[in-house]
Amino acid sequence: RSALDILHNYDFDDTLVAIDTYNCDLHFKVARDRSSGYPLTIEGFAYLWSGARASYGVRRGRVCFEMKINEEISVKHLPSTEPDPHVVRIGWSLDSCSTQLGEELFFLWLWRHREEVHQ
């Protein structure tokens, strides 16, 4: 067990595909079971993309994944002129890509206020 696991008194089965807590943005909070997460939205964090990757990747073959949007997080402090206060991007990236979302080639679906946009 790592020092962090001992500190938090937390064990996790590393054979499961889950959100990788070491391969996500610092302003993305991952649930203890690593099956869900959410971005921080306080103050200026609401203007930042927040991302995470899975603990395992795929080299070949067929694979799929699911995402469920449980709620729209409150961002009442944003100006009413903000065009897209609730946007979700989900997709594929290469392991060699940085976690700076939108900076490199990837495939994604964009979800904007119940509107689906494919890019």
C-alpha atoms as a PDB file:
ATOM      1  CA  ARG A   1       0.000   0.000   0.000  1.00  0.00           C
ATOM      2  CA  SER A   2       1.151   3.493  -0.742  1.00  0.00           C
ATOM      3  CA  ALA A   3       1.662   6.121   1.927  1.00  0.00           C
ATOM      4  CA  LEU A   4      -1.385   7.960   0.596  1.00  0.00           C
ATOM      5  CA  ASP A   5      -3.571   4.852   0.976  1.00  0.00           C
ATOM      6  CA  ILE A   6      -2.332   4.372   4.530  1.00  0.00           C
ATOM      7  CA  LEU A   7      -2.896   8.050   5.326  1.00  0.00           C
ATOM      8  CA  HIS A   8      -6.473   7.910   4.026  1.00  0.00           C
ATOM      9  CA  ASN A   9      -7.042   4.354   5.285  1.00  0.00           C
ATOM     10  CA  TYR A  10      -8.247   3.475   1.803  1.00  0.00           C
ATOM     11  CA  ASP A  11      -7.713   0.357  -0.320  1.00  0.00           C
ATOM     12  CA  PHE A  12      -8.583   0.100  -3.986  1.00  0.00           C
ATOM     13  CA  ASP A  13      -8.470  -2.885  -6.343  1.00  0.00           C
ATOM     14  CA  ASP A  14      -6.008  -1.730  -9.015  1.00  0.00           C
ATOM     15  CA  THR A  15      -7.259  -4.383 -11.448  1.00  0.00           C
ATOM     16  CA  LEU A  16     -10.511  -2.419 -11.962  1.00  0.00           C
ATOM     17  CA  VAL A  17     -10.923   0.150 -14.720  1.00  0.00           C
ATOM     18  CA  ALA A  18     -11.682   3.390 -12.914  1.00  0.00           C
ATOM     19  CA  ILE A  19     -10.859   7.096 -12.918  1.00  0.00           C
ATOM     20  CA  ASP A  20      -7.111   7.432 -12.426  1.00  0.00           C
ATOM     21  CA  THR A  21      -6.553   9.776  -9.488  1.00  0.00           C
ATOM     22  CA  TYR A  22      -2.937  10.371 -10.583  1.00  0.00           C
ATOM     23  CA  ASN A  23      -3.880  11.234 -14.179  1.00  0.00           C
ATOM     24  CA  CYS A  24      -6.491  13.950 -13.709  1.00  0.00           C
ATOM     25  CA  ASP A  25      -6.534  17.676 -13.088  1.00  0.00           C
ATOM     26  CA  LEU A  26      -6.022  18.883  -9.528  1.00  0.00           C
ATOM     27  CA  HIS A  27      -9.355  20.726  -9.705  1.00  0.00           C
ATOM     28  CA  PHE A  28     -11.219  17.494 -10.578  1.00  0.00           C
ATOM     29  CA  LYS A  29     -12.511  15.687  -7.497  1.00  0.00           C
ATOM     30  CA  VAL A  30     -12.746  11.903  -7.775  1.00  0.00           C
ATOM     31  CA  ALA A  31     -15.192   9.875  -5.654  1.00  0.00           C
ATOM     32  CA  ARG A  32     -13.715   7.354  -3.193  1.00  0.00           C
ATOM     33  CA  ASP A  33     -14.874   4.429  -5.360  1.00  0.00           C
ATOM     34  CA  ARG A  34     -13.259   6.152  -8.399  1.00  0.00           C
ATOM     35  CA  SER A  35     -16.363   5.622 -10.558  1.00  0.00           C
ATOM     36  CA  SER A  36     -17.369   9.288 -10.669  1.00  0.00           C
ATOM     37  CA  GLY A  37     -16.041  12.781 -10.280  1.00  0.00           C
ATOM     38  CA  TYR A  38     -16.807  16.447 -10.693  1.00  0.00           C
ATOM     39  CA  PRO A  39     -14.918  19.695 -11.344  1.00  0.00           C
ATOM     40  CA  LEU A  40     -14.444  22.404  -8.780  1.00  0.00           C
ATOM     41  CA  THR A  41     -16.533  25.403  -9.807  1.00  0.00           C
ATOM     42  CA  ILE A  42     -15.811  27.930  -7.066  1.00  0.00           C
ATOM     43  CA  GLU A  43     -14.697  31.329  -8.287  1.00  0.00           C
ATOM     44  CA  GLY A  44     -12.396  31.157 -11.342  1.00  0.00           C
ATOM     45  CA  PHE A  45     -12.359  27.352 -11.488  1.00  0.00           C
ATOM     46  CA  ALA A  46     -15.697  27.538 -13.314  1.00  0.00           C
ATOM     47  CA  TYR A  47     -13.862  28.892 -16.373  1.00  0.00           C
ATOM     48  CA  LEU A  48     -11.410  25.963 -16.574  1.00  0.00           C
ATOM     49  CA  TRP A  49     -11.773  22.652 -18.390  1.00  0.00           C
ATOM     50  CA  SER A  50     -11.328  19.820 -15.940  1.00  0.00           C
ATOM     51  CA  GLY A  51     -10.348  16.353 -17.034  1.00  0.00           C
ATOM     52  CA  ALA A  52      -9.506  12.821 -15.998  1.00  0.00           C
ATOM     53  CA  ARG A  53      -8.435   9.593 -17.634  1.00  0.00           C
ATOM     54  CA  ALA A  54      -9.160   5.966 -16.919  1.00  0.00           C
ATOM     55  CA  SER A  55      -6.691   3.753 -15.093  1.00  0.00           C
ATOM     56  CA  TYR A  56      -6.341   1.503 -18.170  1.00  0.00           C
ATOM     57  CA  GLY A  57      -6.175   2.160 -21.895  1.00  0.00           C
ATOM     58  CA  VAL A  58      -6.881   0.239 -25.075  1.00  0.00           C
ATOM     59  CA  ARG A  59      -4.419  -0.752 -27.801  1.00  0.00           C
ATOM     60  CA  ARG A  60      -6.662  -2.634 -30.231  1.00  0.00           C
ATOM     61  CA  GLY A  61     -10.014  -4.309 -30.601  1.00  0.00           C
ATOM     62  CA  ARG A  62     -13.431  -2.961 -29.759  1.00  0.00           C
ATOM     63  CA  VAL A  63     -14.338  -1.235 -26.575  1.00  0.00           C
ATOM     64  CA  CYS A  64     -16.990   1.120 -25.269  1.00  0.00           C
ATOM     65  CA  PHE A  65     -17.652   3.187 -22.182  1.00  0.00           C
ATOM     66  CA  GLU A  66     -20.549   5.075 -20.679  1.00  0.00           C
ATOM     67  CA  MET A  67     -20.980   8.381 -18.938  1.00  0.00           C
ATOM     68  CA  LYS A  68     -24.002   9.565 -17.016  1.00  0.00           C
ATOM     69  CA  ILE A  69     -24.612  13.207 -16.154  1.00  0.00           C
ATOM     70  CA  ASN A  70     -26.200  13.240 -12.704  1.00  0.00           C
ATOM     71  CA  GLU A  71     -26.610  16.981 -12.249  1.00  0.00           C
ATOM     72  CA  GLU A  72     -25.651  20.409 -13.483  1.00  0.00           C
ATOM     73  CA  ILE A  73     -23.369  21.888 -10.848  1.00  0.00           C
ATOM     74  CA  SER A  74     -24.359  25.349  -9.689  1.00  0.00           C
ATOM     75  CA  VAL A  75     -22.377  28.179 -11.242  1.00  0.00           C
ATOM     76  CA  LYS A  76     -24.559  31.073 -10.134  1.00  0.00           C
ATOM     77  CA  HIS A  77     -21.489  33.270  -9.713  1.00  0.00           C
ATOM     78  CA  LEU A  78     -20.811  33.274 -13.476  1.00  0.00           C
ATOM     79  CA  PRO A  79     -22.159  36.229 -15.454  1.00  0.00           C
ATOM     80  CA  SER A  80     -25.465  35.664 -17.220  1.00  0.00           C
ATOM     81  CA  THR A  81     -23.659  36.359 -20.509  1.00  0.00           C
ATOM     82  CA  GLU A  82     -21.612  33.127 -20.188  1.00  0.00           C
ATOM     83  CA  PRO A  83     -22.682  31.225 -23.342  1.00  0.00           C
ATOM     84  CA  ASP A  84     -22.031  27.679 -22.107  1.00  0.00           C
ATOM     85  CA  PRO A  85     -22.002  27.364 -18.322  1.00  0.00           C
ATOM     86  CA  HIS A  86     -22.581  23.581 -18.458  1.00  0.00           C
ATOM     87  CA  VAL A  87     -20.474  21.760 -21.038  1.00  0.00           C
ATOM     88  CA  VAL A  88     -19.231  18.163 -20.877  1.00  0.00           C
ATOM     89  CA  ARG A  89     -16.644  16.671 -23.213  1.00  0.00           C
ATOM     90  CA  ILE A  90     -16.013  12.934 -23.287  1.00  0.00           C
ATOM     91  CA  GLY A  91     -13.911  10.957 -25.702  1.00  0.00           C
ATOM     92  CA  TRP A  92     -10.629   9.255 -26.553  1.00  0.00           C
ATOM     93  CA  SER A  93      -7.064  10.507 -26.383  1.00  0.00           C
ATOM     94  CA  LEU A  94      -3.628   9.002 -26.823  1.00  0.00           C
ATOM     95  CA  ASP A  95      -1.569   8.095 -23.764  1.00  0.00           C
ATOM     96  CA  SER A  96       1.110  10.458 -25.060  1.00  0.00           C
ATOM     97  CA  CYS A  97      -1.322  13.427 -25.046  1.00  0.00           C
ATOM     98  CA  SER A  98      -1.131  15.961 -22.272  1.00  0.00           C
ATOM     99  CA  THR A  99      -4.055  16.486 -19.940  1.00  0.00           C
ATOM    100  CA  GLN A 100      -4.487  20.017 -21.303  1.00  0.00           C
ATOM    101  CA  LEU A 101      -7.914  19.457 -22.835  1.00  0.00           C
ATOM    102  CA  GLY A 102      -8.334  20.642 -26.395  1.00  0.00           C
ATOM    103  CA  GLU A 103      -4.610  21.138 -27.032  1.00  0.00           C
ATOM    104  CA  GLU A 104      -3.993  17.916 -28.988  1.00  0.00           C
ATOM    105  CA  LEU A 105      -5.757  15.504 -31.345  1.00  0.00           C
ATOM    106  CA  PHE A 106      -8.590  13.530 -29.781  1.00  0.00           C
ATOM    107  CA  PHE A 107     -12.088  12.305 -30.562  1.00  0.00           C
ATOM    108  CA  LEU A 108     -14.931  13.582 -28.471  1.00  0.00           C
ATOM    109  CA  TRP A 109     -18.596  14.184 -27.972  1.00  0.00           C
ATOM    110  CA  LEU A 110     -19.560  17.576 -26.650  1.00  0.00           C
ATOM    111  CA  TRP A 111     -22.651  17.833 -24.469  1.00  0.00           C
ATOM    112  CA  ARG A 112     -24.041  21.307 -24.047  1.00  0.00           C
ATOM    113  CA  HIS A 113     -27.289  21.876 -22.210  1.00  0.00           C
ATOM    114  CA  ARG A 114     -28.983  18.727 -23.549  1.00  0.00           C
ATOM    115  CA  GLU A 115     -27.573  19.260 -27.041  1.00  0.00           C
ATOM    116  CA  GLU A 116     -25.136  16.727 -28.463  1.00  0.00           C
ATOM    117  CA  VAL A 117     -22.369  17.919 -30.784  1.00  0.00           C
ATOM    118  CA  HIS A 118     -19.896  15.482 -32.436  1.00  0.00           C
ATOM    119  CA  GLN A 119     -16.397  16.696 -33.271  1.00  0.00           C
END
